[in-house]
């Protein structure tokens, strides 16, 4: 070989850049908090307006939403609002919790999981369920199937936003001084 170029990461600048990136990867709470905001906003948008799952599949419309015909979400106003948005309580309950290497989003409402994954409701003590539908019809049933209407998850747009935010996070780390 007539000529050789050797590059080593022993030089101060590459070592400092790697140290900043490494340090930033140990505790990404700041990034995870931003990712949580993206995911909460996505869930809120699904409930408040789009009524589609994170993978783009439209939710089955609820009887209440079909009868209401409106979208202001105020109960008893004649405008029942979109599916999963009667009072807005579910939408307002969605929060995120950031940790150094992950973020969790969800709701603490007892019925939140039923809407996310669907459920079959059966009576606990009696032989049948007794309830009134949104149209006023009274029903007696041995079980009721609630379809899944996933509102938590990562859509393609959210995935792209998270990727961009992550790249920017590490790019910013490479431009900073190493914390002491």
N, C-alpha and C. Protein backbone atom coordinates (compact mmCIF):
# COMPACT_ATOMS: atom_id res chain seq x y z
N UNK A 1 0.86 -1.16 0.00
CA UNK A 1 0.00 0.00 0.00
C UNK A 1 0.91 1.22 0.00
N UNK A 2 0.64 2.13 -0.93
CA UNK A 2 1.49 3.30 -1.10
C UNK A 2 1.22 4.39 -0.07
N UNK A 3 0.00 4.45 0.40
CA UNK A 3 -0.34 5.50 1.37
C UNK A 3 -1.34 4.93 2.38
N UNK A 4 -1.28 5.36 3.61
CA UNK A 4 -2.16 4.87 4.66
C UNK A 4 -2.61 6.05 5.51
N UNK A 5 -3.89 6.06 5.82
CA UNK A 5 -4.43 7.06 6.74
C UNK A 5 -5.05 6.29 7.90
N UNK A 6 -4.62 6.60 9.09
CA UNK A 6 -5.18 5.96 10.27
C UNK A 6 -5.96 6.99 11.07
N UNK A 7 -7.18 6.62 11.44
CA UNK A 7 -8.03 7.50 12.24
C UNK A 7 -8.27 6.80 13.56
N UNK A 8 -8.13 7.54 14.63
CA UNK A 8 -8.30 6.97 15.96
C UNK A 8 -9.23 7.86 16.77
N UNK A 9 -10.03 7.24 17.61
CA UNK A 9 -10.90 8.01 18.48
C UNK A 9 -10.18 8.41 19.77
N UNK A 10 -8.89 8.37 19.74
CA UNK A 10 -8.12 8.83 20.88
C UNK A 10 -8.01 10.34 20.90
N UNK A 11 -8.35 10.97 19.76
CA UNK A 11 -8.31 12.43 19.71
C UNK A 11 -9.36 12.99 20.66
N UNK A 12 -9.11 14.15 21.19
CA UNK A 12 -9.97 14.75 22.22
C UNK A 12 -11.38 15.04 21.71
N UNK A 13 -11.52 15.59 20.51
CA UNK A 13 -12.84 15.98 20.02
C UNK A 13 -13.77 14.78 19.83
N UNK A 14 -13.34 13.71 19.13
CA UNK A 14 -14.23 12.55 19.01
C UNK A 14 -14.54 11.90 20.36
N UNK A 15 -13.54 11.86 21.26
CA UNK A 15 -13.77 11.29 22.59
C UNK A 15 -14.82 12.09 23.35
N UNK A 16 -14.74 13.40 23.27
CA UNK A 16 -15.71 14.25 23.98
C UNK A 16 -17.11 14.07 23.40
N UNK A 17 -17.20 13.99 22.07
CA UNK A 17 -18.50 13.80 21.42
C UNK A 17 -19.12 12.46 21.84
N UNK A 18 -18.32 11.41 21.84
CA UNK A 18 -18.82 10.10 22.25
C UNK A 18 -19.23 10.10 23.72
N UNK A 19 -18.48 10.80 24.55
CA UNK A 19 -18.81 10.88 25.97
C UNK A 19 -20.15 11.59 26.16
N UNK A 20 -20.37 12.69 25.42
CA UNK A 20 -21.65 13.41 25.54
C UNK A 20 -22.80 12.53 25.08
N UNK A 21 -22.62 11.84 23.95
CA UNK A 21 -23.69 10.97 23.46
C UNK A 21 -23.95 9.83 24.44
N UNK A 22 -22.89 9.26 24.98
CA UNK A 22 -23.02 8.17 25.94
C UNK A 22 -23.73 8.64 27.20
N UNK A 23 -23.33 9.80 27.71
CA UNK A 23 -23.96 10.35 28.92
C UNK A 23 -25.44 10.62 28.65
N UNK A 24 -25.75 11.19 27.49
CA UNK A 24 -27.12 11.51 27.13
C UNK A 24 -28.00 10.28 26.97
N UNK A 25 -27.39 9.16 26.59
CA UNK A 25 -28.15 7.92 26.42
C UNK A 25 -28.44 7.24 27.75
N UNK A 26 -27.69 7.56 28.78
CA UNK A 26 -27.91 6.95 30.10
C UNK A 26 -29.18 7.52 30.73
N UNK A 27 -29.36 8.81 30.65
CA UNK A 27 -30.55 9.45 31.22
C UNK A 27 -31.20 10.33 30.16
N UNK A 28 -32.19 9.74 29.48
CA UNK A 28 -32.92 10.44 28.42
C UNK A 28 -34.28 10.93 28.91
N UNK A 29 -34.39 11.23 30.20
CA UNK A 29 -35.67 11.65 30.77
C UNK A 29 -36.25 12.84 30.01
N UNK A 30 -35.41 13.80 29.67
CA UNK A 30 -35.87 14.98 28.93
C UNK A 30 -36.47 14.57 27.58
N UNK A 31 -35.80 13.70 26.85
CA UNK A 31 -36.32 13.21 25.57
C UNK A 31 -37.59 12.40 25.78
N UNK A 32 -37.59 11.53 26.77
CA UNK A 32 -38.76 10.69 27.04
C UNK A 32 -39.98 11.54 27.42
N UNK A 33 -39.75 12.64 28.11
CA UNK A 33 -40.84 13.55 28.45
C UNK A 33 -41.44 14.17 27.18
N UNK A 34 -40.61 14.55 26.24
CA UNK A 34 -41.08 15.11 24.97
C UNK A 34 -41.82 14.04 24.17
N UNK A 35 -41.27 12.82 24.14
CA UNK A 35 -41.93 11.71 23.44
C UNK A 35 -43.30 11.45 24.08
N UNK A 36 -43.37 11.50 25.40
CA UNK A 36 -44.64 11.33 26.09
C UNK A 36 -45.67 12.37 25.66
N UNK A 37 -45.23 13.60 25.51
CA UNK A 37 -46.14 14.67 25.06
C UNK A 37 -46.65 14.38 23.66
N UNK A 38 -45.78 13.90 22.77
CA UNK A 38 -46.21 13.54 21.41
C UNK A 38 -47.27 12.45 21.47
N UNK A 39 -47.04 11.43 22.29
CA UNK A 39 -47.97 10.30 22.36
C UNK A 39 -49.29 10.69 23.03
N UNK A 40 -49.24 11.51 24.07
CA UNK A 40 -50.48 11.98 24.71
C UNK A 40 -51.28 12.81 23.71
N UNK A 41 -50.61 13.72 23.01
CA UNK A 41 -51.31 14.54 22.02
C UNK A 41 -51.95 13.69 20.94
N UNK A 42 -51.27 12.62 20.52
CA UNK A 42 -51.83 11.72 19.51
C UNK A 42 -53.08 11.02 20.02
N UNK A 43 -53.05 10.56 21.27
CA UNK A 43 -54.22 9.89 21.85
C UNK A 43 -55.38 10.87 21.99
N UNK A 44 -55.09 12.07 22.42
CA UNK A 44 -56.13 13.09 22.56
C UNK A 44 -56.76 13.40 21.20
N UNK A 45 -55.94 13.51 20.17
CA UNK A 45 -56.46 13.77 18.83
C UNK A 45 -57.35 12.62 18.34
N UNK A 46 -56.95 11.39 18.64
CA UNK A 46 -57.77 10.24 18.23
C UNK A 46 -59.13 10.29 18.90
N UNK A 47 -59.16 10.62 20.19
CA UNK A 47 -60.42 10.66 20.92
C UNK A 47 -61.25 11.88 20.51
N UNK A 48 -60.62 13.03 20.37
CA UNK A 48 -61.37 14.27 20.14
C UNK A 48 -61.83 14.44 18.70
N UNK A 49 -61.13 13.85 17.74
CA UNK A 49 -61.52 14.16 16.37
C UNK A 49 -61.40 13.02 15.36
N UNK A 50 -60.28 12.31 15.31
CA UNK A 50 -60.10 11.38 14.19
C UNK A 50 -60.85 10.07 14.36
N UNK A 51 -61.00 9.58 15.59
CA UNK A 51 -61.67 8.31 15.88
C UNK A 51 -61.10 7.15 15.08
N UNK A 52 -59.78 7.11 14.98
CA UNK A 52 -59.08 5.99 14.33
C UNK A 52 -57.98 5.50 15.26
N UNK A 53 -57.65 4.22 15.16
CA UNK A 53 -56.59 3.65 15.97
C UNK A 53 -55.24 4.18 15.50
N UNK A 54 -54.19 3.98 16.28
CA UNK A 54 -52.87 4.45 15.86
C UNK A 54 -52.43 3.88 14.51
N UNK A 55 -52.93 2.70 14.15
CA UNK A 55 -52.55 2.14 12.84
C UNK A 55 -53.50 2.58 11.73
N UNK A 56 -54.39 3.53 12.01
CA UNK A 56 -55.23 4.13 10.98
C UNK A 56 -56.58 3.45 10.74
N UNK A 57 -56.92 2.45 11.54
CA UNK A 57 -58.19 1.74 11.36
C UNK A 57 -59.30 2.51 12.09
N UNK A 58 -60.38 2.88 11.39
CA UNK A 58 -61.47 3.60 12.05
C UNK A 58 -62.12 2.75 13.13
N UNK A 59 -62.51 3.40 14.23
CA UNK A 59 -63.19 2.71 15.31
C UNK A 59 -64.64 2.43 14.93
N UNK A 60 -65.21 1.36 15.48
CA UNK A 60 -66.66 1.19 15.34
C UNK A 60 -67.34 2.36 16.06
N UNK A 61 -68.28 2.99 15.42
CA UNK A 61 -68.96 4.14 16.01
C UNK A 61 -69.92 3.67 17.10
N UNK A 62 -69.95 4.37 18.22
CA UNK A 62 -70.85 4.01 19.31
C UNK A 62 -72.27 4.47 18.98
N UNK A 63 -73.25 3.79 19.58
CA UNK A 63 -74.65 4.19 19.40
C UNK A 63 -74.86 5.61 19.88
N UNK A 64 -74.24 5.97 21.00
CA UNK A 64 -74.37 7.33 21.53
C UNK A 64 -73.89 8.36 20.52
N UNK A 65 -72.76 8.09 19.89
CA UNK A 65 -72.22 9.03 18.91
C UNK A 65 -73.10 9.07 17.65
N UNK A 66 -73.63 7.90 17.23
CA UNK A 66 -74.50 7.87 16.05
C UNK A 66 -75.78 8.66 16.30
N UNK A 67 -76.33 8.56 17.49
CA UNK A 67 -77.58 9.26 17.82
C UNK A 67 -77.37 10.75 18.02
N UNK A 68 -76.21 11.13 18.55
CA UNK A 68 -75.96 12.52 18.88
C UNK A 68 -75.76 13.40 17.67
N UNK A 69 -74.99 12.92 16.73
CA UNK A 69 -74.75 13.67 15.50
C UNK A 69 -73.89 14.90 15.65
N UNK A 70 -73.55 15.31 16.85
CA UNK A 70 -72.73 16.50 17.03
C UNK A 70 -71.33 16.15 17.46
N UNK A 71 -70.55 17.17 17.78
CA UNK A 71 -69.19 16.88 18.20
C UNK A 71 -68.69 17.81 19.30
N UNK A 72 -69.61 18.38 20.07
CA UNK A 72 -69.12 19.27 21.11
C UNK A 72 -68.83 18.55 22.43
N UNK A 73 -69.25 17.29 22.54
CA UNK A 73 -68.89 16.49 23.70
C UNK A 73 -69.66 16.82 24.97
N UNK A 74 -70.63 17.71 24.90
CA UNK A 74 -71.40 18.05 26.10
C UNK A 74 -72.58 17.11 26.24
N UNK A 75 -72.65 16.32 27.30
CA UNK A 75 -73.76 15.41 27.49
C UNK A 75 -75.06 16.17 27.70
N UNK A 76 -76.13 15.62 27.16
CA UNK A 76 -77.44 16.22 27.35
C UNK A 76 -77.69 17.43 26.48
N UNK A 77 -76.77 17.80 25.64
CA UNK A 77 -76.94 18.98 24.80
C UNK A 77 -77.51 18.61 23.44
N UNK A 78 -77.80 17.32 23.22
CA UNK A 78 -78.31 16.92 21.92
C UNK A 78 -77.18 16.65 20.93
N UNK A 79 -75.98 16.97 21.31
CA UNK A 79 -74.81 16.71 20.48
C UNK A 79 -73.88 15.82 21.29
N UNK A 80 -73.98 14.53 21.07
CA UNK A 80 -73.29 13.57 21.93
C UNK A 80 -71.79 13.54 21.74
N UNK A 81 -71.29 14.04 20.65
CA UNK A 81 -69.85 14.02 20.44
C UNK A 81 -69.37 12.74 19.81
N UNK A 82 -68.10 12.71 19.42
CA UNK A 82 -67.55 11.52 18.78
C UNK A 82 -67.48 10.34 19.75
N UNK A 83 -67.26 9.17 19.20
CA UNK A 83 -67.09 7.97 20.00
C UNK A 83 -65.94 8.18 20.98
N UNK A 84 -66.13 7.74 22.21
CA UNK A 84 -65.19 7.88 23.34
C UNK A 84 -65.06 9.32 23.84
N UNK A 85 -65.93 10.22 23.38
CA UNK A 85 -65.81 11.61 23.82
C UNK A 85 -67.18 12.15 24.22
N UNK A 86 -67.76 11.55 25.25
CA UNK A 86 -69.05 12.04 25.75
C UNK A 86 -68.81 13.26 26.62
N UNK A 87 -68.09 13.10 27.69
CA UNK A 87 -67.79 14.22 28.60
C UNK A 87 -66.37 14.74 28.43
N UNK A 88 -65.52 14.01 27.73
CA UNK A 88 -64.12 14.39 27.59
C UNK A 88 -63.24 13.90 28.73
N UNK A 89 -63.84 13.19 29.67
CA UNK A 89 -63.09 12.74 30.85
C UNK A 89 -61.94 11.79 30.48
N UNK A 90 -62.20 10.82 29.59
CA UNK A 90 -61.14 9.89 29.18
C UNK A 90 -59.99 10.64 28.54
N UNK A 91 -60.32 11.54 27.63
CA UNK A 91 -59.31 12.31 26.92
C UNK A 91 -58.46 13.12 27.90
N UNK A 92 -59.10 13.75 28.87
CA UNK A 92 -58.37 14.59 29.84
C UNK A 92 -57.55 13.76 30.82
N UNK A 93 -57.87 12.48 30.96
CA UNK A 93 -57.17 11.65 31.94
C UNK A 93 -55.85 11.08 31.42
N UNK A 94 -55.58 11.22 30.15
CA UNK A 94 -54.37 10.62 29.56
C UNK A 94 -53.14 11.45 29.95
N UNK A 95 -52.18 10.76 30.55
CA UNK A 95 -50.95 11.41 30.99
C UNK A 95 -49.75 10.56 30.59
N UNK A 96 -48.58 11.15 30.75
CA UNK A 96 -47.35 10.40 30.50
C UNK A 96 -46.43 10.52 31.71
N UNK A 97 -45.57 9.53 31.85
CA UNK A 97 -44.59 9.50 32.93
C UNK A 97 -43.25 9.10 32.34
N UNK A 98 -42.31 10.04 32.35
CA UNK A 98 -41.00 9.81 31.75
C UNK A 98 -40.00 9.26 32.76
N UNK A 99 -39.17 8.34 32.30
CA UNK A 99 -38.06 7.79 33.07
C UNK A 99 -36.80 7.91 32.22
N UNK A 100 -35.64 7.55 32.75
CA UNK A 100 -34.40 7.74 31.99
C UNK A 100 -34.36 7.05 30.61
N UNK A 101 -34.99 5.88 30.47
CA UNK A 101 -34.89 5.17 29.17
C UNK A 101 -36.24 4.79 28.59
N UNK A 102 -37.34 5.27 29.17
CA UNK A 102 -38.65 4.93 28.63
C UNK A 102 -39.70 5.93 29.10
N UNK A 103 -40.86 5.85 28.46
CA UNK A 103 -41.99 6.68 28.85
C UNK A 103 -43.24 5.82 28.83
N UNK A 104 -44.12 6.04 29.80
CA UNK A 104 -45.39 5.32 29.85
C UNK A 104 -46.50 6.35 29.68
N UNK A 105 -47.51 5.99 28.87
CA UNK A 105 -48.69 6.85 28.76
C UNK A 105 -49.90 6.01 29.07
N UNK A 106 -50.91 6.64 29.61
CA UNK A 106 -52.12 5.90 29.92
C UNK A 106 -53.12 6.74 30.67
N UNK A 107 -54.13 6.07 31.18
CA UNK A 107 -55.21 6.69 31.94
C UNK A 107 -55.46 5.87 33.19
N UNK A 108 -55.83 6.53 34.26
CA UNK A 108 -56.14 5.82 35.49
C UNK A 108 -57.64 5.55 35.63
N UNK A 109 -58.43 5.86 34.62
CA UNK A 109 -59.87 5.61 34.69
C UNK A 109 -60.15 4.12 34.58
N UNK A 110 -61.10 3.64 35.35
CA UNK A 110 -61.39 2.21 35.42
C UNK A 110 -61.84 1.64 34.06
N UNK A 111 -62.47 2.45 33.26
CA UNK A 111 -62.98 1.97 31.96
C UNK A 111 -62.02 2.21 30.80
N UNK A 112 -60.87 2.82 31.06
CA UNK A 112 -59.92 3.14 29.99
C UNK A 112 -59.43 1.89 29.26
N UNK A 113 -59.11 0.85 30.01
CA UNK A 113 -58.62 -0.39 29.41
C UNK A 113 -59.66 -1.08 28.56
N UNK A 114 -60.91 -1.00 28.98
CA UNK A 114 -62.00 -1.61 28.20
C UNK A 114 -62.08 -0.99 26.83
N UNK A 115 -61.97 0.33 26.75
CA UNK A 115 -62.05 1.00 25.45
C UNK A 115 -60.81 0.72 24.60
N UNK A 116 -59.65 0.60 25.23
CA UNK A 116 -58.41 0.33 24.49
C UNK A 116 -58.41 -1.06 23.88
N UNK A 117 -58.79 -2.07 24.66
CA UNK A 117 -58.64 -3.46 24.21
C UNK A 117 -59.95 -4.17 23.91
N UNK A 118 -61.08 -3.56 24.31
CA UNK A 118 -62.37 -4.23 24.16
C UNK A 118 -62.61 -5.16 25.33
N UNK A 119 -63.84 -5.61 25.48
CA UNK A 119 -64.17 -6.49 26.60
C UNK A 119 -65.55 -7.10 26.39
N UNK A 120 -65.76 -8.20 27.05
CA UNK A 120 -67.09 -8.78 27.15
C UNK A 120 -67.51 -8.66 28.60
N UNK A 121 -68.63 -7.98 28.82
CA UNK A 121 -69.12 -7.75 30.17
C UNK A 121 -70.22 -8.75 30.47
N UNK A 122 -70.08 -9.43 31.59
CA UNK A 122 -71.07 -10.42 32.02
C UNK A 122 -71.52 -10.06 33.44
N UNK A 123 -72.70 -10.50 33.84
CA UNK A 123 -73.17 -10.18 35.19
C UNK A 123 -72.34 -10.88 36.25
N UNK A 124 -72.12 -10.20 37.38
CA UNK A 124 -71.35 -10.80 38.47
C UNK A 124 -72.21 -11.67 39.37
N UNK A 125 -73.42 -11.21 39.69
CA UNK A 125 -74.23 -11.93 40.66
C UNK A 125 -75.58 -12.38 40.12
N UNK A 126 -76.12 -11.68 39.17
CA UNK A 126 -77.44 -12.03 38.61
C UNK A 126 -77.25 -12.79 37.31
N UNK A 127 -78.34 -13.27 36.75
CA UNK A 127 -78.27 -14.03 35.51
C UNK A 127 -78.23 -13.17 34.27
N UNK A 128 -78.46 -11.86 34.42
CA UNK A 128 -78.51 -10.99 33.24
C UNK A 128 -78.08 -9.57 33.61
N UNK A 129 -77.74 -8.81 32.59
CA UNK A 129 -77.43 -7.39 32.74
C UNK A 129 -78.69 -6.59 32.38
N UNK A 130 -78.96 -5.54 33.11
CA UNK A 130 -80.09 -4.65 32.82
C UNK A 130 -79.53 -3.25 32.64
N UNK A 131 -79.79 -2.62 31.48
CA UNK A 131 -79.27 -1.28 31.24
C UNK A 131 -80.11 -0.57 30.18
N UNK A 132 -79.90 0.74 30.07
CA UNK A 132 -80.61 1.56 29.10
C UNK A 132 -79.61 2.08 28.08
N UNK A 133 -79.93 1.91 26.78
CA UNK A 133 -79.07 2.39 25.71
C UNK A 133 -79.19 3.91 25.55
N UNK A 134 -78.31 4.48 24.78
CA UNK A 134 -78.31 5.91 24.54
C UNK A 134 -79.61 6.40 23.90
N UNK A 135 -80.31 5.50 23.18
CA UNK A 135 -81.57 5.88 22.54
C UNK A 135 -82.77 5.70 23.46
N UNK A 136 -82.53 5.32 24.73
CA UNK A 136 -83.60 5.14 25.69
C UNK A 136 -84.14 3.72 25.78
N UNK A 137 -83.74 2.86 24.87
CA UNK A 137 -84.21 1.47 24.87
C UNK A 137 -83.62 0.73 26.07
N UNK A 138 -84.49 0.00 26.78
CA UNK A 138 -84.02 -0.80 27.90
C UNK A 138 -83.67 -2.20 27.41
N UNK A 139 -82.57 -2.73 27.92
CA UNK A 139 -82.03 -4.00 27.42
C UNK A 139 -81.79 -4.95 28.59
N UNK A 140 -82.07 -6.22 28.34
CA UNK A 140 -81.70 -7.30 29.24
C UNK A 140 -80.82 -8.23 28.40
N UNK A 141 -79.61 -8.50 28.87
CA UNK A 141 -78.67 -9.32 28.10
C UNK A 141 -77.83 -10.17 29.04
N UNK A 142 -77.38 -11.31 28.55
CA UNK A 142 -76.50 -12.17 29.35
C UNK A 142 -75.05 -11.70 29.26
N UNK A 143 -74.73 -10.93 28.21
CA UNK A 143 -73.40 -10.35 28.09
C UNK A 143 -73.45 -9.21 27.08
N UNK A 144 -72.47 -8.34 27.16
CA UNK A 144 -72.34 -7.22 26.23
C UNK A 144 -70.90 -7.18 25.76
N UNK A 145 -70.71 -7.10 24.45
CA UNK A 145 -69.36 -7.01 23.89
C UNK A 145 -69.06 -5.55 23.55
N UNK A 146 -68.01 -5.02 24.16
CA UNK A 146 -67.53 -3.67 23.86
C UNK A 146 -66.36 -3.83 22.89
N UNK A 147 -66.47 -3.26 21.68
CA UNK A 147 -65.37 -3.41 20.73
C UNK A 147 -64.14 -2.61 21.14
N UNK A 148 -62.98 -3.09 20.75
CA UNK A 148 -61.73 -2.36 21.01
C UNK A 148 -61.72 -1.09 20.17
N UNK A 149 -61.33 -0.01 20.80
CA UNK A 149 -61.14 1.27 20.12
C UNK A 149 -59.80 1.82 20.60
N UNK A 150 -58.70 1.27 20.08
CA UNK A 150 -57.37 1.65 20.58
C UNK A 150 -57.09 3.14 20.35
N UNK A 151 -56.79 3.83 21.41
CA UNK A 151 -56.43 5.25 21.34
C UNK A 151 -54.98 5.46 21.76
N UNK A 152 -54.41 4.52 22.52
CA UNK A 152 -53.01 4.58 22.90
C UNK A 152 -52.19 3.81 21.87
N UNK A 153 -51.05 4.34 21.52
CA UNK A 153 -50.18 3.67 20.56
C UNK A 153 -49.35 4.71 19.82
N UNK A 154 -48.68 4.26 18.78
CA UNK A 154 -47.81 5.15 18.00
C UNK A 154 -48.22 5.08 16.54
N UNK A 155 -48.72 6.19 16.01
CA UNK A 155 -49.08 6.26 14.60
C UNK A 155 -47.81 6.47 13.76
N UNK A 156 -47.95 6.35 12.45
CA UNK A 156 -46.79 6.57 11.58
C UNK A 156 -46.27 8.00 11.72
N UNK A 157 -47.18 8.97 11.80
CA UNK A 157 -46.75 10.37 11.96
C UNK A 157 -46.03 10.57 13.30
N UNK A 158 -46.56 9.96 14.35
CA UNK A 158 -45.91 10.08 15.67
C UNK A 158 -44.55 9.41 15.66
N UNK A 159 -44.45 8.27 14.99
CA UNK A 159 -43.16 7.57 14.90
C UNK A 159 -42.12 8.46 14.21
N UNK A 160 -42.53 9.12 13.14
CA UNK A 160 -41.62 10.02 12.42
C UNK A 160 -41.23 11.20 13.31
N UNK A 161 -42.20 11.76 14.04
CA UNK A 161 -41.89 12.88 14.95
C UNK A 161 -40.91 12.44 16.04
N UNK A 162 -41.13 11.26 16.59
CA UNK A 162 -40.25 10.74 17.65
C UNK A 162 -38.84 10.51 17.12
N UNK A 163 -38.75 9.99 15.90
CA UNK A 163 -37.43 9.79 15.29
C UNK A 163 -36.72 11.13 15.11
N UNK A 164 -37.44 12.13 14.60
CA UNK A 164 -36.84 13.45 14.40
C UNK A 164 -36.41 14.06 15.73
N UNK A 165 -37.26 13.94 16.74
CA UNK A 165 -36.93 14.48 18.06
C UNK A 165 -35.71 13.78 18.66
N UNK A 166 -35.62 12.47 18.45
CA UNK A 166 -34.48 11.70 18.98
C UNK A 166 -33.19 12.10 18.29
N UNK A 167 -33.25 12.24 16.97
CA UNK A 167 -32.06 12.67 16.23
C UNK A 167 -31.62 14.06 16.69
N UNK A 168 -32.59 14.96 16.88
CA UNK A 168 -32.26 16.31 17.33
C UNK A 168 -31.67 16.29 18.74
N UNK A 169 -32.22 15.44 19.59
CA UNK A 169 -31.73 15.31 20.97
C UNK A 169 -30.25 14.94 20.97
N UNK A 170 -29.87 13.93 20.19
CA UNK A 170 -28.46 13.51 20.16
C UNK A 170 -27.59 14.51 19.41
N UNK A 171 -28.13 15.15 18.39
CA UNK A 171 -27.36 16.19 17.69
C UNK A 171 -27.05 17.33 18.65
N UNK A 172 -28.04 17.70 19.48
CA UNK A 172 -27.82 18.77 20.46
C UNK A 172 -26.77 18.36 21.50
N UNK A 173 -26.79 17.08 21.88
CA UNK A 173 -25.77 16.61 22.84
C UNK A 173 -24.37 16.73 22.27
N UNK A 174 -24.21 16.47 21.00
CA UNK A 174 -22.88 16.52 20.38
C UNK A 174 -22.35 17.94 20.32
N UNK A 175 -23.25 18.93 20.40
CA UNK A 175 -22.84 20.33 20.36
C UNK A 175 -22.62 20.93 21.74
N UNK A 176 -22.93 20.18 22.80
CA UNK A 176 -22.82 20.71 24.16
C UNK A 176 -21.49 20.33 24.80
N UNK A 177 -21.21 21.06 25.86
CA UNK A 177 -20.06 20.69 26.69
C UNK A 177 -20.44 19.51 27.57
N UNK A 178 -19.49 18.69 27.90
CA UNK A 178 -19.71 17.53 28.75
C UNK A 178 -20.07 17.99 30.17
N UNK A 179 -21.20 17.45 30.73
CA UNK A 179 -21.55 17.83 32.10
C UNK A 179 -20.48 17.37 33.09
N UNK A 180 -20.29 18.12 34.15
CA UNK A 180 -19.26 17.78 35.13
C UNK A 180 -19.89 17.30 36.40
